[in-house]
Amino acid sequence: RDFANVAGAPAVDRQVADSALQRLEVDQLKFLASLYALTGPEENLVDQVRRQFDILYSRATALRDGRVYREVLELDIAHADLDRVSELLASMVPIIDGDPGDIFKERARLIQLGSRMADPIRNIAARGLAADAQLSDSERAALTAKILSLAVLILMMLAALSSLLLLVWRVYRSYRMQAEQNISKSNRLTTILNTSQDAV
């Protein structure tokens, strides 16, 4: 049985890591539900058990071997929980690979083993949510820093623009005063010339 390539198994990358962590507990509950629904060795009921087991096994294996999972959950205790889940799943493989009659006979043992995964899976999901919250905080902090940097840049641009406008205003005032002085001198000169002509 090739559990790593079961259809529907999650591909562990950063975009789906959070979803995979949260789905692990759901898959465990679905597997237990399929076992409780196993009222006989009928093929359709056994196939449902196997399908749910394959999904659970595939998800746990993908998380255990995935690079992103190791980055998200770096604590040794988190790896211990996942190792415990992997051990319990591995112990069920010989039964799941057996014939339908044996799977039905071992139904109680499978339920017991599946139930023992509840605590470590719950711990894994909780740590995944905590890690995601920390990542969200880091992303918000990075975004805040970028906004502050942009605000400082805008303030600097406004200050530079204000300085430029002040310089333009001063140049304008200087030219205007110079023009007024020139007009005043021209008027005085005209008056002097007119007075001189009248005297002659």
C-alpha atoms as a PDB file:
ATOM      1  CA  ARG A   1       0.000   0.000   0.000  1.00  0.00           C
ATOM      2  CA  ASP A   2       1.464   3.341  -1.114  1.00  0.00           C
ATOM      3  CA  PHE A   3       0.182   5.760   1.489  1.00  0.00           C
ATOM      4  CA  ALA A   4       2.352   8.656   0.293  1.00  0.00           C
ATOM      5  CA  ASN A   5       0.513   8.845  -3.028  1.00  0.00           C
ATOM      6  CA  VAL A   6      -3.087   8.382  -1.970  1.00  0.00           C
ATOM      7  CA  ALA A   7      -5.461  10.610  -3.910  1.00  0.00           C
ATOM      8  CA  GLY A   8      -6.478  13.598  -1.843  1.00  0.00           C
ATOM      9  CA  ALA A   9      -3.384  13.516   0.358  1.00  0.00           C
ATOM     10  CA  PRO A  10      -2.232  17.025   1.272  1.00  0.00           C
ATOM     11  CA  ALA A  11       0.808  18.606  -0.347  1.00  0.00           C
ATOM     12  CA  VAL A  12       2.685  20.259   2.472  1.00  0.00           C
ATOM     13  CA  ASP A  13       3.813  23.709   1.527  1.00  0.00           C
ATOM     14  CA  ARG A  14       3.425  26.998   3.345  1.00  0.00           C
ATOM     15  CA  GLN A  15       0.047  27.712   1.784  1.00  0.00           C
ATOM     16  CA  VAL A  16      -1.594  24.521   3.055  1.00  0.00           C
ATOM     17  CA  ALA A  17       0.427  23.767   6.204  1.00  0.00           C
ATOM     18  CA  ASP A  18      -2.090  25.461   8.518  1.00  0.00           C
ATOM     19  CA  SER A  19      -4.978  23.630   6.876  1.00  0.00           C
ATOM     20  CA  ALA A  20      -3.166  20.283   7.134  1.00  0.00           C
ATOM     21  CA  LEU A  21      -2.529  20.775  10.845  1.00  0.00           C
ATOM     22  CA  GLN A  22      -6.183  21.562  11.490  1.00  0.00           C
ATOM     23  CA  ARG A  23      -7.449  18.738   9.280  1.00  0.00           C
ATOM     24  CA  LEU A  24      -5.416  16.077  11.068  1.00  0.00           C
ATOM     25  CA  GLU A  25      -7.829  15.954  14.006  1.00  0.00           C
ATOM     26  CA  VAL A  26     -10.832  15.896  11.657  1.00  0.00           C
ATOM     27  CA  ASP A  27      -9.343  12.968   9.730  1.00  0.00           C
ATOM     28  CA  GLN A  28      -8.770  11.046  12.960  1.00  0.00           C
ATOM     29  CA  LEU A  29     -12.426  11.515  13.945  1.00  0.00           C
ATOM     30  CA  LYS A  30     -13.600  10.419  10.493  1.00  0.00           C
ATOM     31  CA  PHE A  31     -11.476   7.285  10.767  1.00  0.00           C
ATOM     32  CA  LEU A  32     -13.032   6.447  14.138  1.00  0.00           C
ATOM     33  CA  ALA A  33     -16.498   7.109  12.715  1.00  0.00           C
ATOM     34  CA  SER A  34     -15.842   4.644   9.890  1.00  0.00           C
ATOM     35  CA  LEU A  35     -14.815   2.017  12.457  1.00  0.00           C
ATOM     36  CA  TYR A  36     -17.972   2.543  14.520  1.00  0.00           C
ATOM     37  CA  ALA A  37     -19.953   2.168  11.294  1.00  0.00           C
ATOM     38  CA  LEU A  38     -18.206  -1.164  10.587  1.00  0.00           C
ATOM     39  CA  THR A  39     -21.022  -3.483  11.577  1.00  0.00           C
ATOM     40  CA  GLY A  40     -19.807  -6.400   9.470  1.00  0.00           C
ATOM     41  CA  PRO A  41     -17.092  -7.492   7.014  1.00  0.00           C
ATOM     42  CA  GLU A  42     -19.017  -6.102   4.042  1.00  0.00           C
ATOM     43  CA  GLU A  43     -16.690  -4.799   1.357  1.00  0.00           C
ATOM     44  CA  ASN A  44     -18.193  -1.307   1.142  1.00  0.00           C
ATOM     45  CA  LEU A  45     -17.828  -0.783   4.910  1.00  0.00           C
ATOM     46  CA  VAL A  46     -14.263  -2.115   4.951  1.00  0.00           C
ATOM     47  CA  ASP A  47     -13.355   0.056   1.950  1.00  0.00           C
ATOM     48  CA  GLN A  48     -14.599   3.113   3.839  1.00  0.00           C
ATOM     49  CA  VAL A  49     -12.382   2.234   6.804  1.00  0.00           C
ATOM     50  CA  ARG A  50      -9.377   1.760   4.546  1.00  0.00           C
ATOM     51  CA  ARG A  51     -10.039   5.007   2.700  1.00  0.00           C
ATOM     52  CA  GLN A  52     -10.256   7.035   5.905  1.00  0.00           C
ATOM     53  CA  PHE A  53      -7.132   5.342   7.243  1.00  0.00           C
ATOM     54  CA  ASP A  54      -5.240   6.120   4.038  1.00  0.00           C
ATOM     55  CA  ILE A  55      -6.187   9.805   4.276  1.00  0.00           C
ATOM     56  CA  LEU A  56      -5.164   9.996   7.925  1.00  0.00           C
ATOM     57  CA  TYR A  57      -1.907   8.131   7.312  1.00  0.00           C
ATOM     58  CA  SER A  58      -1.058  10.276   4.284  1.00  0.00           C
ATOM     59  CA  ARG A  59      -1.686  13.535   6.101  1.00  0.00           C
ATOM     60  CA  ALA A  60       0.384  12.500   9.119  1.00  0.00           C
ATOM     61  CA  THR A  61       3.234  11.316   6.870  1.00  0.00           C
ATOM     62  CA  ALA A  62       3.171  14.525   4.831  1.00  0.00           C
ATOM     63  CA  LEU A  63       3.326  16.613   7.990  1.00  0.00           C
ATOM     64  CA  ARG A  64       6.101  14.526   9.486  1.00  0.00           C
ATOM     65  CA  ASP A  65       8.272  14.688   6.358  1.00  0.00           C
ATOM     66  CA  GLY A  66       7.370  18.199   5.238  1.00  0.00           C
ATOM     67  CA  ARG A  67       9.958  20.974   5.494  1.00  0.00           C
ATOM     68  CA  VAL A  68       7.303  23.582   6.285  1.00  0.00           C
ATOM     69  CA  TYR A  69       5.939  21.536   9.181  1.00  0.00           C
ATOM     70  CA  ARG A  70       9.417  21.347  10.711  1.00  0.00           C
ATOM     71  CA  GLU A  71       9.706  25.119  10.399  1.00  0.00           C
ATOM     72  CA  VAL A  72       6.284  25.748  11.920  1.00  0.00           C
ATOM     73  CA  LEU A  73       6.657  23.329  14.822  1.00  0.00           C
ATOM     74  CA  GLU A  74      10.247  23.437  15.975  1.00  0.00           C
ATOM     75  CA  LEU A  75       9.669  22.177  19.519  1.00  0.00           C
ATOM     76  CA  ASP A  76      10.896  18.661  20.260  1.00  0.00           C
ATOM     77  CA  ILE A  77       7.691  17.880  22.127  1.00  0.00           C
ATOM     78  CA  ALA A  78       5.672  18.606  18.981  1.00  0.00           C
ATOM     79  CA  HIS A  79       7.792  16.131  17.022  1.00  0.00           C
ATOM     80  CA  ALA A  80       7.298  13.610  19.835  1.00  0.00           C
ATOM     81  CA  ASP A  81       3.528  13.929  19.457  1.00  0.00           C
ATOM     82  CA  LEU A  82       3.716  13.371  15.718  1.00  0.00           C
ATOM     83  CA  ASP A  83       6.084  10.438  16.188  1.00  0.00           C
ATOM     84  CA  ARG A  84       3.541   8.919  18.578  1.00  0.00           C
ATOM     85  CA  VAL A  85       0.792   9.300  15.975  1.00  0.00           C
ATOM     86  CA  SER A  86       3.023   7.722  13.327  1.00  0.00           C
ATOM     87  CA  GLU A  87       3.779   4.768  15.626  1.00  0.00           C
ATOM     88  CA  LEU A  88       0.085   4.143  16.294  1.00  0.00           C
ATOM     89  CA  LEU A  89      -0.708   4.335  12.583  1.00  0.00           C
ATOM     90  CA  ALA A  90       2.162   1.966  11.745  1.00  0.00           C
ATOM     91  CA  SER A  91       0.837  -0.562  14.265  1.00  0.00           C
ATOM     92  CA  MET A  92      -2.514  -0.551  12.436  1.00  0.00           C
ATOM     93  CA  VAL A  93      -1.069  -1.096   8.953  1.00  0.00           C
ATOM     94  CA  PRO A  94      -0.882  -4.938   9.187  1.00  0.00           C
ATOM     95  CA  ILE A  95      -4.548  -5.042  10.223  1.00  0.00           C
ATOM     96  CA  ILE A  96      -5.702  -2.577   7.539  1.00  0.00           C
ATOM     97  CA  ASP A  97      -3.761  -4.555   4.907  1.00  0.00           C
ATOM     98  CA  GLY A  98      -5.455  -7.786   6.020  1.00  0.00           C
ATOM     99  CA  ASP A  99      -8.623  -9.286   4.619  1.00  0.00           C
ATOM    100  CA  PRO A 100     -12.017  -7.736   5.432  1.00  0.00           C
ATOM    101  CA  GLY A 101     -12.842 -10.450   7.968  1.00  0.00           C
ATOM    102  CA  ASP A 102      -9.701  -9.719   9.994  1.00  0.00           C
ATOM    103  CA  ILE A 103     -10.371  -5.971   9.893  1.00  0.00           C
ATOM    104  CA  PHE A 104     -13.849  -6.561  11.304  1.00  0.00           C
ATOM    105  CA  LYS A 105     -12.495  -8.907  13.989  1.00  0.00           C
ATOM    106  CA  GLU A 106      -9.886  -6.331  15.023  1.00  0.00           C
ATOM    107  CA  ARG A 107     -12.410  -3.503  15.010  1.00  0.00           C
ATOM    108  CA  ALA A 108     -12.226  -2.968  18.776  1.00  0.00           C
ATOM    109  CA  ARG A 109      -8.416  -2.847  18.716  1.00  0.00           C
ATOM    110  CA  LEU A 110      -8.441  -0.376  15.828  1.00  0.00           C
ATOM    111  CA  ILE A 111     -10.870   1.849  17.725  1.00  0.00           C
ATOM    112  CA  GLN A 112      -8.615   1.665  20.783  1.00  0.00           C
ATOM    113  CA  LEU A 113      -5.508   2.590  18.786  1.00  0.00           C
ATOM    114  CA  GLY A 114      -7.344   5.327  16.902  1.00  0.00           C
ATOM    115  CA  SER A 115      -8.632   6.837  20.145  1.00  0.00           C
ATOM    116  CA  ARG A 116      -5.129   6.903  21.621  1.00  0.00           C
ATOM    117  CA  MET A 117      -4.139   9.327  18.846  1.00  0.00           C
ATOM    118  CA  ALA A 118      -6.575  11.971  20.117  1.00  0.00           C
ATOM    119  CA  ASP A 119      -4.308  13.668  22.674  1.00  0.00           C
ATOM    120  CA  PRO A 120      -1.136  13.932  20.540  1.00  0.00           C
ATOM    121  CA  ILE A 121      -3.145  15.086  17.517  1.00  0.00           C
ATOM    122  CA  ARG A 122      -4.903  17.708  19.636  1.00  0.00           C
ATOM    123  CA  ASN A 123      -1.525  18.905  20.898  1.00  0.00           C
ATOM    124  CA  ILE A 124      -0.190  19.136  17.336  1.00  0.00           C
ATOM    125  CA  ALA A 125      -3.216  21.137  16.155  1.00  0.00           C
ATOM    126  CA  ALA A 126      -2.959  23.503  19.134  1.00  0.00           C
ATOM    127  CA  ARG A 127       0.730  24.143  18.510  1.00  0.00           C
ATOM    128  CA  GLY A 128       0.026  24.732  14.845  1.00  0.00           C
ATOM    129  CA  LEU A 129      -2.553  27.412  15.700  1.00  0.00           C
ATOM    130  CA  ALA A 130      -0.151  29.026  18.169  1.00  0.00           C
ATOM    131  CA  ALA A 131       2.650  29.069  15.593  1.00  0.00           C
ATOM    132  CA  ASP A 132       0.299  30.577  13.017  1.00  0.00           C
ATOM    133  CA  ALA A 133      -0.725  33.288  15.495  1.00  0.00           C
ATOM    134  CA  GLN A 134       2.933  34.131  16.125  1.00  0.00           C
ATOM    135  CA  LEU A 135       3.551  34.287  12.382  1.00  0.00           C
ATOM    136  CA  SER A 136       0.548  36.593  11.962  1.00  0.00           C
ATOM    137  CA  ASP A 137       1.949  38.855  14.684  1.00  0.00           C
ATOM    138  CA  SER A 138       5.296  38.947  12.889  1.00  0.00           C
ATOM    139  CA  GLU A 139       3.606  39.757   9.589  1.00  0.00           C
ATOM    140  CA  ARG A 140       1.603  42.541  11.218  1.00  0.00           C
ATOM    141  CA  ALA A 141       4.774  43.923  12.806  1.00  0.00           C
ATOM    142  CA  ALA A 142       6.560  43.855   9.449  1.00  0.00           C
ATOM    143  CA  LEU A 143       3.611  45.585   7.773  1.00  0.00           C
ATOM    144  CA  THR A 144       3.518  48.228  10.520  1.00  0.00           C
ATOM    145  CA  ALA A 145       7.245  48.864  10.059  1.00  0.00           C
ATOM    146  CA  LYS A 146       6.738  49.314   6.302  1.00  0.00           C
ATOM    147  CA  ILE A 147       3.854  51.721   6.886  1.00  0.00           C
ATOM    148  CA  LEU A 148       5.937  53.750   9.337  1.00  0.00           C
ATOM    149  CA  SER A 149       8.834  53.856   6.870  1.00  0.00           C
ATOM    150  CA  LEU A 150       6.460  55.016   4.130  1.00  0.00           C
ATOM    151  CA  ALA A 151       5.003  57.676   6.450  1.00  0.00           C
ATOM    152  CA  VAL A 152       8.498  58.975   7.268  1.00  0.00           C
ATOM    153  CA  LEU A 153       9.350  59.060   3.562  1.00  0.00           C
ATOM    154  CA  ILE A 154       6.158  61.020   2.821  1.00  0.00           C
ATOM    155  CA  LEU A 155       6.972  63.499   5.605  1.00  0.00           C
ATOM    156  CA  MET A 156      10.475  63.962   4.199  1.00  0.00           C
ATOM    157  CA  MET A 157       9.039  64.559   0.727  1.00  0.00           C
ATOM    158  CA  LEU A 158       6.563  67.098   2.138  1.00  0.00           C
ATOM    159  CA  ALA A 159       9.373  68.858   4.000  1.00  0.00           C
ATOM    160  CA  ALA A 160      11.462  69.001   0.828  1.00  0.00           C
ATOM    161  CA  LEU A 161       8.488  70.326  -1.142  1.00  0.00           C
ATOM    162  CA  SER A 162       7.814  72.949   1.536  1.00  0.00           C
ATOM    163  CA  SER A 163      11.446  74.065   1.403  1.00  0.00           C
ATOM    164  CA  LEU A 164      11.263  74.321  -2.381  1.00  0.00           C
ATOM    165  CA  LEU A 165       8.048  76.371  -2.214  1.00  0.00           C
ATOM    166  CA  LEU A 166       9.628  78.677   0.377  1.00  0.00           C
ATOM    167  CA  LEU A 167      12.662  79.142  -1.862  1.00  0.00           C
ATOM    168  CA  VAL A 168      10.432  79.950  -4.848  1.00  0.00           C
ATOM    169  CA  TRP A 169       8.499  82.451  -2.724  1.00  0.00           C
ATOM    170  CA  ARG A 170      11.672  84.166  -1.577  1.00  0.00           C
ATOM    171  CA  VAL A 171      12.969  84.387  -5.163  1.00  0.00           C
ATOM    172  CA  TYR A 172       9.635  85.815  -6.252  1.00  0.00           C
ATOM    173  CA  ARG A 173       9.701  88.390  -3.435  1.00  0.00           C
ATOM    174  CA  SER A 174      13.240  89.351  -4.333  1.00  0.00           C
ATOM    175  CA  TYR A 175      12.423  89.849  -8.011  1.00  0.00           C
ATOM    176  CA  ARG A 176       9.265  91.765  -7.119  1.00  0.00           C
ATOM    177  CA  MET A 177      11.124  94.090  -4.767  1.00  0.00           C
ATOM    178  CA  GLN A 178      13.825  94.608  -7.393  1.00  0.00           C
ATOM    179  CA  ALA A 179      11.156  95.407  -9.981  1.00  0.00           C
ATOM    180  CA  GLU A 180       9.463  97.883  -7.646  1.00  0.00           C
ATOM    181  CA  GLN A 181      12.791  99.579  -6.955  1.00  0.00           C
ATOM    182  CA  ASN A 182      13.506  99.812 -10.669  1.00  0.00           C
ATOM    183  CA  ILE A 183      10.102 101.369 -11.290  1.00  0.00           C
ATOM    184  CA  SER A 184      10.686 103.833  -8.462  1.00  0.00           C
ATOM    185  CA  LYS A 185      14.105 104.823  -9.842  1.00  0.00           C
ATOM    186  CA  SER A 186      12.647 105.170 -13.328  1.00  0.00           C
ATOM    187  CA  ASN A 187       9.889 107.445 -12.028  1.00  0.00           C
ATOM    188  CA  ARG A 188      12.373 109.637 -10.163  1.00  0.00           C
ATOM    189  CA  LEU A 189      14.570 109.877 -13.225  1.00  0.00           C
ATOM    190  CA  THR A 190      11.610 110.832 -15.373  1.00  0.00           C
ATOM    191  CA  THR A 191      10.623 113.535 -12.870  1.00  0.00           C
ATOM    192  CA  ILE A 192      14.142 114.962 -12.826  1.00  0.00           C
ATOM    193  CA  LEU A 193      14.278 115.048 -16.615  1.00  0.00           C
ATOM    194  CA  ASN A 194      10.905 116.727 -16.901  1.00  0.00           C
ATOM    195  CA  THR A 195      11.912 119.334 -14.283  1.00  0.00           C
ATOM    196  CA  SER A 196      15.163 120.060 -16.124  1.00  0.00           C
ATOM    197  CA  GLN A 197      13.340 120.575 -19.430  1.00  0.00           C
ATOM    198  CA  ASP A 198      10.872 122.982 -17.788  1.00  0.00           C
ATOM    199  CA  ALA A 199      13.748 125.000 -16.329  1.00  0.00           C
ATOM    200  CA  VAL A 200      15.337 125.420 -19.703  1.00  0.00           C
END
